[in-house]
Amino acid sequence: MLINFQKAVIKQQWSEAISIYQLSFFYNYSFKDLATYNAWIEFEREGLERLYLTALDQQIDHFQSQENYEAAAELCYKRIHLDEFDE
């Protein structure tokens, strides 16, 4: 699934990327005594979340340009709950 998500983002298939994306990479996983591995997981997780936010932003813009405000609002709701402090 991860590879399909990344392919959809590369192809700018925002709707598909959004539908593929699940919980964060290794969500809630932490490995005792493996600080370097944990740092790598966190780095990957943050990168994937940034890609997901990009997909959401692009699809929101697309819906707004089509005046499909209801669909745009639904994605805005998802985006806000993902990162409440991102203005």
Protein backbone atom coordinates (compact mmCIF):
# COMPACT_ATOMS: atom_id res chain seq x y z
CA MET A 1 0.00 0.00 0.00
CA LEU A 2 2.83 2.37 0.82
CA ILE A 3 4.29 2.07 -2.68
CA ASN A 4 0.87 2.64 -4.27
CA PHE A 5 0.44 5.78 -2.18
CA GLN A 6 3.81 7.13 -3.26
CA LYS A 7 3.10 6.31 -6.92
CA ALA A 8 -0.23 8.14 -6.77
CA VAL A 9 1.49 11.20 -5.30
CA ILE A 10 4.21 11.14 -7.97
CA LYS A 11 1.54 10.94 -10.68
CA GLN A 12 -0.40 13.72 -8.91
CA GLN A 13 -3.43 11.49 -8.58
CA TRP A 14 -4.51 13.26 -5.44
CA SER A 15 -7.87 11.58 -4.96
CA GLU A 16 -6.32 8.13 -5.26
CA ALA A 17 -3.48 9.02 -2.89
CA ILE A 18 -5.99 10.24 -0.31
CA SER A 19 -8.03 7.06 -0.55
CA ILE A 20 -4.92 4.86 -0.22
CA TYR A 21 -3.35 6.65 2.75
CA GLN A 22 -4.00 4.95 6.06
CA LEU A 23 -2.53 5.54 9.48
CA SER A 24 0.97 6.85 9.76
CA PHE A 25 3.91 4.64 8.91
CA PHE A 26 4.55 2.33 11.90
CA TYR A 27 1.86 4.21 13.83
CA ASN A 28 2.54 4.02 17.59
CA TYR A 29 5.57 1.76 17.11
CA SER A 30 8.69 2.36 19.09
CA PHE A 31 11.56 -0.04 19.48
CA LYS A 32 13.36 -0.20 22.79
CA ASP A 33 17.09 0.49 22.60
CA LEU A 34 16.96 1.31 18.88
CA ALA A 35 17.18 5.10 18.87
CA THR A 36 18.53 5.31 15.32
CA TYR A 37 15.78 3.06 13.98
CA ASN A 38 13.15 5.06 15.85
CA ALA A 39 14.54 8.27 14.39
CA TRP A 40 14.35 6.77 10.89
CA ILE A 41 10.75 5.67 11.43
CA GLU A 42 9.81 9.16 12.63
CA PHE A 43 11.55 10.74 9.63
CA GLU A 44 9.67 8.45 7.21
CA ARG A 45 6.36 8.98 9.04
CA GLU A 46 6.71 12.76 8.83
CA GLY A 47 7.59 12.60 5.13
CA LEU A 48 4.53 10.48 4.34
CA GLU A 49 2.29 12.77 6.36
CA ARG A 50 3.64 15.77 4.42
CA LEU A 51 2.83 13.99 1.16
CA TYR A 52 -0.67 13.26 2.46
CA LEU A 53 -1.15 16.91 3.43
CA THR A 54 -0.01 17.92 -0.06
CA ALA A 55 -2.52 15.52 -1.61
CA LEU A 56 -5.27 16.94 0.59
CA ASP A 57 -4.33 20.54 -0.28
CA GLN A 58 -4.25 19.82 -4.00
CA GLN A 59 -7.58 17.99 -3.97
CA ILE A 60 -9.17 20.77 -1.89
CA ASP A 61 -7.96 23.32 -4.46
CA HIS A 62 -9.36 21.16 -7.26
CA PHE A 63 -12.77 20.88 -5.59
CA GLN A 64 -12.85 24.62 -4.92
CA SER A 65 -12.02 25.42 -8.54
CA GLN A 66 -14.99 23.26 -9.54
CA GLU A 67 -17.13 25.01 -6.92
CA ASN A 68 -17.66 21.67 -5.18
CA TYR A 69 -17.50 23.26 -1.74
CA GLU A 70 -19.07 20.36 0.13
CA ALA A 71 -16.34 17.94 -0.98
CA ALA A 72 -13.67 20.58 -0.28
CA ALA A 73 -15.07 21.11 3.22
CA GLU A 74 -14.95 17.37 3.96
CA LEU A 75 -11.26 17.27 3.07
CA CYS A 76 -10.60 20.44 5.06
CA TYR A 77 -12.14 18.70 8.06
CA LYS A 78 -9.73 15.75 7.60
CA ARG A 79 -6.80 18.11 7.20
CA ILE A 80 -7.60 20.16 10.29
CA HIS A 81 -7.85 17.05 12.43
CA LEU A 82 -4.50 15.84 11.17
CA ASP A 83 -2.67 19.02 12.11
CA GLU A 84 -4.75 21.43 14.17
CA PHE A 85 -1.94 23.97 14.49
CA ASP A 86 -1.09 24.28 10.79
CA GLU A 87 -2.44 27.57 9.54
